[in-house]
Amino acid sequence: MSERSSVTDAIVLRGRPLGEADRVYTFLTRERGKVDAVAKGVRRARSSVAGRLEPLAEVRVALHKGRSLDVVTEVRTIRSYWSGLVRPDALATASLFAETVDLFCEPDLALPEIYALLAGAVAAVAASATPADLVPRFQLRLLGALGLAPADDACVHCGGSLDEHGAWLDLEAGGLGCERCYGARGDAHALDAADVANFRALGAERGAGAALHATMQTARAADDLITWHLGRRPKARALVHELS
């Protein structure tokens, strides 16, 4: 294989038309991170590649370095979850995960932990009867993998314990603040003691006291953290909310 060619595992994040017959795909690859590549002739009826590049599929893809874009030269399916994603709520949730990863990740920066997180999350969505319930855990686990995990072990201002009392999510400070510092403000970011425990458990690794489902306030907090770091809410979030 030449220096201009490579083979890598990849998850299909999205695709967009290019000209009359081609399509540009955005992949999250295991070795290179996010990569855009053009699949030539994929929009033609006789294309043998199009069916393998379905949304959220995990593929083994051969890429050749082009002038401005890599070119897809071969695709082999590793895992396809399409049969589990045909339900509108499942597809919307998996699309939200892919969009969020796409927005956070820079091109050509390998992030194997995020690759593994997304692959596992898509599989979980395809198997879940209530896929929208998986959103808060994915959001907090993604922030952790990006080094953006909110501080939740002690108050971000005074360092006091959060175990026995409620807390508030302080987006600017990057974590939870205690009642002593914030008082009973009663705003949308207020968390009671059970919410605080749930917030921590959602961000924990599997088998480390992890939780799969969020309380209403914790789900809102996780969603607001994503919006804060991105500067906007992912487009697919509205559809997930509508279908859940």
C-alpha atoms as a PDB file:
ATOM      1  CA  MET A   1       0.000   0.000   0.000  1.00  0.00           C
ATOM      2  CA  SER A   2       1.354   3.442  -0.940  1.00  0.00           C
ATOM      3  CA  GLU A   3       1.965   6.267   1.529  1.00  0.00           C
ATOM      4  CA  ARG A   4      -1.096   8.017   0.099  1.00  0.00           C
ATOM      5  CA  SER A   5      -3.407   5.100   0.896  1.00  0.00           C
ATOM      6  CA  SER A   6      -4.705   3.833   4.219  1.00  0.00           C
ATOM      7  CA  VAL A   7      -7.254   1.403   5.650  1.00  0.00           C
ATOM      8  CA  THR A   8      -9.131   2.156   8.858  1.00  0.00           C
ATOM      9  CA  ASP A   9     -12.226   1.292  10.858  1.00  0.00           C
ATOM     10  CA  ALA A  10     -14.773   4.102  10.693  1.00  0.00           C
ATOM     11  CA  ILE A  11     -18.282   5.119  11.739  1.00  0.00           C
ATOM     12  CA  VAL A  12     -20.370   6.967   9.155  1.00  0.00           C
ATOM     13  CA  LEU A  13     -21.411  10.266  10.756  1.00  0.00           C
ATOM     14  CA  ARG A  14     -23.138  11.880   7.772  1.00  0.00           C
ATOM     15  CA  GLY A  15     -23.077  12.344   4.014  1.00  0.00           C
ATOM     16  CA  ARG A  16     -23.832  15.112   1.536  1.00  0.00           C
ATOM     17  CA  PRO A  17     -24.245  15.125  -2.259  1.00  0.00           C
ATOM     18  CA  LEU A  18     -21.382  16.248  -4.484  1.00  0.00           C
ATOM     19  CA  GLY A  19     -22.170  16.864  -8.126  1.00  0.00           C
ATOM     20  CA  GLU A  20     -24.505  14.488  -9.925  1.00  0.00           C
ATOM     21  CA  ALA A  21     -23.033  11.138  -8.916  1.00  0.00           C
ATOM     22  CA  ASP A  22     -20.760  11.522  -5.905  1.00  0.00           C
ATOM     23  CA  ARG A  23     -21.236  11.950  -2.181  1.00  0.00           C
ATOM     24  CA  VAL A  24     -18.922  13.297   0.518  1.00  0.00           C
ATOM     25  CA  TYR A  25     -18.995  11.295   3.748  1.00  0.00           C
ATOM     26  CA  THR A  26     -17.816  12.392   7.158  1.00  0.00           C
ATOM     27  CA  PHE A  27     -16.294   9.461   9.031  1.00  0.00           C
ATOM     28  CA  LEU A  28     -15.104   9.118  12.588  1.00  0.00           C
ATOM     29  CA  THR A  29     -12.129   6.815  12.130  1.00  0.00           C
ATOM     30  CA  ARG A  30     -10.329   4.852  14.789  1.00  0.00           C
ATOM     31  CA  GLU A  31      -6.802   5.859  13.732  1.00  0.00           C
ATOM     32  CA  ARG A  32      -7.214   9.372  12.286  1.00  0.00           C
ATOM     33  CA  GLY A  33     -10.263  10.827  13.988  1.00  0.00           C
ATOM     34  CA  LYS A  34     -12.734  12.746  11.838  1.00  0.00           C
ATOM     35  CA  VAL A  35     -12.150  12.511   8.089  1.00  0.00           C
ATOM     36  CA  ASP A  36     -14.098  13.742   5.051  1.00  0.00           C
ATOM     37  CA  ALA A  37     -13.857  11.537   1.964  1.00  0.00           C
ATOM     38  CA  VAL A  38     -15.623  11.410  -1.391  1.00  0.00           C
ATOM     39  CA  ALA A  39     -17.240   8.215  -2.664  1.00  0.00           C
ATOM     40  CA  LYS A  40     -17.280   8.541  -6.441  1.00  0.00           C
ATOM     41  CA  GLY A  41     -20.319   7.311  -8.347  1.00  0.00           C
ATOM     42  CA  VAL A  42     -22.076   6.291  -5.148  1.00  0.00           C
ATOM     43  CA  ARG A  43     -25.339   7.997  -6.138  1.00  0.00           C
ATOM     44  CA  ARG A  44     -25.666   5.925  -9.299  1.00  0.00           C
ATOM     45  CA  ALA A  45     -28.147   3.044  -9.189  1.00  0.00           C
ATOM     46  CA  ARG A  46     -25.508   0.428  -9.960  1.00  0.00           C
ATOM     47  CA  SER A  47     -23.139   1.514  -7.173  1.00  0.00           C
ATOM     48  CA  SER A  48     -22.034  -1.411  -5.004  1.00  0.00           C
ATOM     49  CA  VAL A  49     -20.749   0.876  -2.245  1.00  0.00           C
ATOM     50  CA  ALA A  50     -23.821   2.966  -1.403  1.00  0.00           C
ATOM     51  CA  GLY A  51     -25.553   0.287   0.668  1.00  0.00           C
ATOM     52  CA  ARG A  52     -22.486  -0.153   2.858  1.00  0.00           C
ATOM     53  CA  LEU A  53     -22.241   3.541   3.712  1.00  0.00           C
ATOM     54  CA  GLU A  54     -25.568   3.803   5.504  1.00  0.00           C
ATOM     55  CA  PRO A  55     -25.791   6.257   8.430  1.00  0.00           C
ATOM     56  CA  LEU A  56     -24.119   5.110  11.658  1.00  0.00           C
ATOM     57  CA  ALA A  57     -22.695   1.937  10.096  1.00  0.00           C
ATOM     58  CA  GLU A  58     -19.271   0.801  11.281  1.00  0.00           C
ATOM     59  CA  VAL A  59     -17.123  -0.001   8.264  1.00  0.00           C
ATOM     60  CA  ARG A  60     -13.613  -0.895   7.214  1.00  0.00           C
ATOM     61  CA  VAL A  61     -12.785   1.742   4.642  1.00  0.00           C
ATOM     62  CA  ALA A  62      -9.841   2.134   2.271  1.00  0.00           C
ATOM     63  CA  LEU A  63      -8.926   5.761   1.592  1.00  0.00           C
ATOM     64  CA  HIS A  64      -6.611   7.355  -0.945  1.00  0.00           C
ATOM     65  CA  LYS A  65      -5.257  10.847  -0.384  1.00  0.00           C
ATOM     66  CA  GLY A  66      -6.622  13.237  -3.007  1.00  0.00           C
ATOM     67  CA  ARG A  67      -5.845  16.893  -3.703  1.00  0.00           C
ATOM     68  CA  SER A  68      -8.506  18.300  -1.408  1.00  0.00           C
ATOM     69  CA  LEU A  69     -10.399  15.247  -0.141  1.00  0.00           C
ATOM     70  CA  ASP A  70      -9.602  11.626   0.536  1.00  0.00           C
ATOM     71  CA  VAL A  71     -11.238   9.215  -1.921  1.00  0.00           C
ATOM     72  CA  VAL A  72     -13.077   6.076  -0.805  1.00  0.00           C
ATOM     73  CA  THR A  73     -11.683   3.149  -2.781  1.00  0.00           C
ATOM     74  CA  GLU A  74     -13.165   0.198  -0.891  1.00  0.00           C
ATOM     75  CA  VAL A  75     -15.721  -0.377   1.876  1.00  0.00           C
ATOM     76  CA  ARG A  76     -16.465  -3.457   3.958  1.00  0.00           C
ATOM     77  CA  THR A  77     -19.235  -3.552   6.556  1.00  0.00           C
ATOM     78  CA  ILE A  78     -18.147  -4.378  10.106  1.00  0.00           C
ATOM     79  CA  ARG A  79     -21.466  -3.744  11.871  1.00  0.00           C
ATOM     80  CA  SER A  80     -24.762  -2.396  10.633  1.00  0.00           C
ATOM     81  CA  TYR A  81     -27.465  -1.418  13.105  1.00  0.00           C
ATOM     82  CA  TRP A  82     -29.922  -0.235  10.482  1.00  0.00           C
ATOM     83  CA  SER A  83     -32.603  -2.778  11.399  1.00  0.00           C
ATOM     84  CA  GLY A  84     -32.601  -1.359  14.929  1.00  0.00           C
ATOM     85  CA  LEU A  85     -32.442   2.257  13.793  1.00  0.00           C
ATOM     86  CA  VAL A  86     -35.389   2.292  11.390  1.00  0.00           C
ATOM     87  CA  ARG A  87     -37.663   3.425  14.223  1.00  0.00           C
ATOM     88  CA  PRO A  88     -37.897   7.232  14.152  1.00  0.00           C
ATOM     89  CA  ASP A  89     -36.956   7.686  17.827  1.00  0.00           C
ATOM     90  CA  ALA A  90     -33.940   5.396  17.524  1.00  0.00           C
ATOM     91  CA  LEU A  91     -32.667   7.047  14.346  1.00  0.00           C
ATOM     92  CA  ALA A  92     -33.157  10.518  15.824  1.00  0.00           C
ATOM     93  CA  THR A  93     -31.210   9.570  18.958  1.00  0.00           C
ATOM     94  CA  ALA A  94     -28.339   7.932  17.075  1.00  0.00           C
ATOM     95  CA  SER A  95     -28.236  10.924  14.715  1.00  0.00           C
ATOM     96  CA  LEU A  96     -27.996  13.244  17.720  1.00  0.00           C
ATOM     97  CA  PHE A  97     -25.019  11.275  19.012  1.00  0.00           C
ATOM     98  CA  ALA A  98     -23.304  11.431  15.614  1.00  0.00           C
ATOM     99  CA  GLU A  99     -24.017  15.153  15.222  1.00  0.00           C
ATOM    100  CA  THR A 100     -22.712  15.948  18.696  1.00  0.00           C
ATOM    101  CA  VAL A 101     -19.477  14.042  18.077  1.00  0.00           C
ATOM    102  CA  ASP A 102     -19.138  15.737  14.689  1.00  0.00           C
ATOM    103  CA  LEU A 103     -19.524  19.190  16.249  1.00  0.00           C
ATOM    104  CA  PHE A 104     -16.997  18.571  19.012  1.00  0.00           C
ATOM    105  CA  CYS A 105     -14.276  16.740  17.075  1.00  0.00           C
ATOM    106  CA  GLU A 106     -11.635  18.422  14.921  1.00  0.00           C
ATOM    107  CA  PRO A 107     -10.474  16.768  11.671  1.00  0.00           C
ATOM    108  CA  ASP A 108      -7.501  14.396  11.716  1.00  0.00           C
ATOM    109  CA  LEU A 109      -7.258  14.173  15.503  1.00  0.00           C
ATOM    110  CA  ALA A 110      -7.370  10.560  16.680  1.00  0.00           C
ATOM    111  CA  LEU A 111      -9.743  10.074  19.630  1.00  0.00           C
ATOM    112  CA  PRO A 112     -10.049   6.303  20.135  1.00  0.00           C
ATOM    113  CA  GLU A 113     -12.005   6.690  23.392  1.00  0.00           C
ATOM    114  CA  ILE A 114     -14.689   8.701  21.597  1.00  0.00           C
ATOM    115  CA  TYR A 115     -14.748   6.189  18.741  1.00  0.00           C
ATOM    116  CA  ALA A 116     -15.415   3.383  21.232  1.00  0.00           C
ATOM    117  CA  LEU A 117     -18.005   5.494  23.060  1.00  0.00           C
ATOM    118  CA  LEU A 118     -19.948   6.270  19.882  1.00  0.00           C
ATOM    119  CA  ALA A 119     -19.809   2.687  18.615  1.00  0.00           C
ATOM    120  CA  GLY A 120     -21.175   1.405  21.917  1.00  0.00           C
ATOM    121  CA  ALA A 121     -23.822   4.123  22.109  1.00  0.00           C
ATOM    122  CA  VAL A 122     -25.181   3.386  18.622  1.00  0.00           C
ATOM    123  CA  ALA A 123     -25.409  -0.320  19.482  1.00  0.00           C
ATOM    124  CA  ALA A 124     -27.251   0.532  22.709  1.00  0.00           C
ATOM    125  CA  VAL A 125     -29.706   2.798  20.882  1.00  0.00           C
ATOM    126  CA  ALA A 126     -30.476   0.110  18.304  1.00  0.00           C
ATOM    127  CA  ALA A 127     -31.298  -2.344  21.103  1.00  0.00           C
ATOM    128  CA  SER A 128     -33.261   0.040  23.348  1.00  0.00           C
ATOM    129  CA  ALA A 129     -37.034   0.385  23.579  1.00  0.00           C
ATOM    130  CA  THR A 130     -36.585   3.940  24.914  1.00  0.00           C
ATOM    131  CA  PRO A 131     -33.487   5.295  23.151  1.00  0.00           C
ATOM    132  CA  ALA A 132     -33.970   8.918  24.231  1.00  0.00           C
ATOM    133  CA  ASP A 133     -33.328   7.812  27.823  1.00  0.00           C
ATOM    134  CA  LEU A 134     -29.711   7.124  26.822  1.00  0.00           C
ATOM    135  CA  VAL A 135     -28.974  10.725  25.833  1.00  0.00           C
ATOM    136  CA  PRO A 136     -27.874  12.214  29.203  1.00  0.00           C
ATOM    137  CA  ARG A 137     -25.370   9.437  29.936  1.00  0.00           C
ATOM    138  CA  PHE A 138     -23.894   9.727  26.459  1.00  0.00           C
ATOM    139  CA  GLN A 139     -23.596  13.501  26.838  1.00  0.00           C
ATOM    140  CA  LEU A 140     -21.748  13.311  30.155  1.00  0.00           C
ATOM    141  CA  ARG A 141     -19.521  10.430  29.024  1.00  0.00           C
ATOM    142  CA  LEU A 142     -18.632  12.374  25.879  1.00  0.00           C
ATOM    143  CA  LEU A 143     -17.707  15.463  27.884  1.00  0.00           C
ATOM    144  CA  GLY A 144     -15.522  13.273  30.082  1.00  0.00           C
ATOM    145  CA  ALA A 145     -13.750  11.768  27.073  1.00  0.00           C
ATOM    146  CA  LEU A 146     -13.116  15.275  25.727  1.00  0.00           C
ATOM    147  CA  GLY A 147     -11.630  16.462  29.019  1.00  0.00           C
ATOM    148  CA  LEU A 148     -14.651  18.682  29.664  1.00  0.00           C
ATOM    149  CA  ALA A 149     -16.264  16.715  32.487  1.00  0.00           C
ATOM    150  CA  PRO A 150     -17.986  19.017  35.003  1.00  0.00           C
ATOM    151  CA  ALA A 151     -16.558  19.032  38.523  1.00  0.00           C
ATOM    152  CA  ASP A 152     -19.017  17.123  40.697  1.00  0.00           C
ATOM    153  CA  ASP A 153     -17.014  15.833  43.670  1.00  0.00           C
ATOM    154  CA  ALA A 154     -17.101  19.120  45.628  1.00  0.00           C
ATOM    155  CA  CYS A 155     -18.378  22.683  45.302  1.00  0.00           C
ATOM    156  CA  VAL A 156     -16.539  24.493  42.508  1.00  0.00           C
ATOM    157  CA  HIS A 157     -16.353  27.630  44.671  1.00  0.00           C
ATOM    158  CA  CYS A 158     -15.675  26.657  48.284  1.00  0.00           C
ATOM    159  CA  GLY A 159     -14.656  23.011  47.944  1.00  0.00           C
ATOM    160  CA  GLY A 160     -17.393  21.961  50.350  1.00  0.00           C
ATOM    161  CA  SER A 161     -19.192  18.632  50.283  1.00  0.00           C
ATOM    162  CA  LEU A 162     -22.180  18.079  48.006  1.00  0.00           C
ATOM    163  CA  ASP A 163     -23.192  14.739  49.515  1.00  0.00           C
ATOM    164  CA  GLU A 164     -25.914  15.789  51.945  1.00  0.00           C
ATOM    165  CA  HIS A 165     -27.414  18.798  50.251  1.00  0.00           C
ATOM    166  CA  GLY A 166     -28.612  19.964  46.899  1.00  0.00           C
ATOM    167  CA  ALA A 167     -26.427  21.758  44.382  1.00  0.00           C
ATOM    168  CA  TRP A 168     -26.553  24.058  41.361  1.00  0.00           C
ATOM    169  CA  LEU A 169     -24.913  23.570  38.013  1.00  0.00           C
ATOM    170  CA  ASP A 170     -22.686  26.573  37.340  1.00  0.00           C
ATOM    171  CA  LEU A 171     -21.937  26.481  33.615  1.00  0.00           C
ATOM    172  CA  GLU A 172     -19.349  29.249  33.721  1.00  0.00           C
ATOM    173  CA  ALA A 173     -17.476  27.686  36.649  1.00  0.00           C
ATOM    174  CA  GLY A 174     -17.619  24.244  35.036  1.00  0.00           C
ATOM    175  CA  GLY A 175     -19.286  22.208  37.740  1.00  0.00           C
ATOM    176  CA  LEU A 176     -21.589  21.957  40.723  1.00  0.00           C
ATOM    177  CA  GLY A 177     -21.859  24.539  43.469  1.00  0.00           C
ATOM    178  CA  CYS A 178     -23.256  23.985  46.958  1.00  0.00           C
ATOM    179  CA  GLU A 179     -26.306  25.537  48.619  1.00  0.00           C
ATOM    180  CA  ARG A 180     -24.102  27.564  50.959  1.00  0.00           C
ATOM    181  CA  CYS A 181     -22.550  29.404  48.028  1.00  0.00           C
ATOM    182  CA  TYR A 182     -25.652  29.725  45.871  1.00  0.00           C
ATOM    183  CA  GLY A 183     -28.571  29.847  48.284  1.00  0.00           C
ATOM    184  CA  ALA A 184     -32.045  28.595  47.420  1.00  0.00           C
ATOM    185  CA  ARG A 185     -32.254  30.168  43.974  1.00  0.00           C
ATOM    186  CA  GLY A 186     -34.730  27.627  42.605  1.00  0.00           C
ATOM    187  CA  ASP A 187     -33.651  28.067  38.977  1.00  0.00           C
ATOM    188  CA  ALA A 188     -33.542  25.497  36.168  1.00  0.00           C
ATOM    189  CA  HIS A 189     -30.081  24.262  37.196  1.00  0.00           C
ATOM    190  CA  ALA A 190     -31.038  23.276  40.741  1.00  0.00           C
ATOM    191  CA  LEU A 191     -30.247  19.662  41.726  1.00  0.00           C
ATOM    192  CA  ASP A 192     -31.357  17.959  44.924  1.00  0.00           C
ATOM    193  CA  ALA A 193     -29.213  15.343  46.687  1.00  0.00           C
ATOM    194  CA  ALA A 194     -30.651  12.497  44.582  1.00  0.00           C
ATOM    195  CA  ASP A 195     -29.985  14.471  41.394  1.00  0.00           C
ATOM    196  CA  VAL A 196     -26.362  15.042  42.429  1.00  0.00           C
ATOM    197  CA  ALA A 197     -25.858  11.306  42.989  1.00  0.00           C
ATOM    198  CA  ASN A 198     -27.498  10.580  39.630  1.00  0.00           C
ATOM    199  CA  PHE A 199     -25.340  13.215  37.903  1.00  0.00           C
ATOM    200  CA  ARG A 200     -22.175  11.532  39.163  1.00  0.00           C
ATOM    201  CA  ALA A 201     -23.377   8.033  38.297  1.00  0.00           C
ATOM    202  CA  LEU A 202     -24.286   9.011  34.736  1.00  0.00           C
ATOM    203  CA  GLY A 203     -20.742  10.161  34.065  1.00  0.00           C
ATOM    204  CA  ALA A 204     -19.134   7.099  35.642  1.00  0.00           C
ATOM    205  CA  GLU A 205     -17.559   4.328  33.600  1.00  0.00           C
ATOM    206  CA  ARG A 206     -19.461   1.084  33.210  1.00  0.00           C
ATOM    207  CA  GLY A 207     -19.209  -1.063  36.329  1.00  0.00           C
ATOM    208  CA  ALA A 208     -18.147   1.857  38.542  1.00  0.00           C
ATOM    209  CA  GLY A 209     -21.554   2.562  40.047  1.00  0.00           C
ATOM    210  CA  ALA A 210     -22.759   3.861  36.700  1.00  0.00           C
ATOM    211  CA  ALA A 211     -26.361   4.853  36.020  1.00  0.00           C
ATOM    212  CA  LEU A 212     -28.090   4.479  32.663  1.00  0.00           C
ATOM    213  CA  HIS A 213     -31.093   6.723  33.232  1.00  0.00           C
ATOM    214  CA  ALA A 214     -31.308  10.341  34.345  1.00  0.00           C
ATOM    215  CA  THR A 215     -33.640  12.274  36.576  1.00  0.00           C
ATOM    216  CA  MET A 216     -35.440  15.162  34.891  1.00  0.00           C
ATOM    217  CA  GLN A 217     -33.143  17.788  36.412  1.00  0.00           C
ATOM    218  CA  THR A 218     -29.989  15.826  35.645  1.00  0.00           C
ATOM    219  CA  ALA A 219     -31.060  15.358  32.024  1.00  0.00           C
ATOM    220  CA  ARG A 220     -31.616  19.099  31.723  1.00  0.00           C
ATOM    221  CA  ALA A 221     -28.220  19.804  33.267  1.00  0.00           C
ATOM    222  CA  ALA A 222     -26.416  17.444  30.863  1.00  0.00           C
ATOM    223  CA  ASP A 223     -28.205  18.990  27.894  1.00  0.00           C
ATOM    224  CA  ASP A 224     -27.313  22.511  29.006  1.00  0.00           C
ATOM    225  CA  LEU A 225     -23.658  21.538  29.421  1.00  0.00           C
ATOM    226  CA  ILE A 226     -23.493  20.337  25.816  1.00  0.00           C
ATOM    227  CA  THR A 227     -25.156  23.537  24.596  1.00  0.00           C
ATOM    228  CA  TRP A 228     -22.791  25.656  26.680  1.00  0.00           C
ATOM    229  CA  HIS A 229     -19.635  24.052  25.304  1.00  0.00           C
ATOM    230  CA  LEU A 230     -20.830  24.043  21.688  1.00  0.00           C
ATOM    231  CA  GLY A 231     -22.371  27.501  21.802  1.00  0.00           C
ATOM    232  CA  ARG A 232     -25.574  26.093  20.319  1.00  0.00           C
ATOM    233  CA  ARG A 233     -27.927  23.153  20.633  1.00  0.00           C
ATOM    234  CA  PRO A 234     -27.434  20.289  18.131  1.00  0.00           C
ATOM    235  CA  LYS A 235     -30.183  20.324  15.491  1.00  0.00           C
ATOM    236  CA  ALA A 236     -31.232  16.721  16.104  1.00  0.00           C
ATOM    237  CA  ARG A 237     -31.992  17.478  19.764  1.00  0.00           C
ATOM    238  CA  ALA A 238     -35.377  19.023  18.939  1.00  0.00           C
ATOM    239  CA  LEU A 239     -36.483  15.917  17.028  1.00  0.00           C
ATOM    240  CA  VAL A 240     -35.389  13.600  19.844  1.00  0.00           C
ATOM    241  CA  HIS A 241     -37.405  15.698  22.285  1.00  0.00           C
ATOM    242  CA  GLU A 242     -40.435  15.655  19.976  1.00  0.00           C
ATOM    243  CA  LEU A 243     -40.357  11.871  19.543  1.00  0.00           C
ATOM    244  CA  SER A 244     -39.643  10.921  23.158  1.00  0.00           C
END
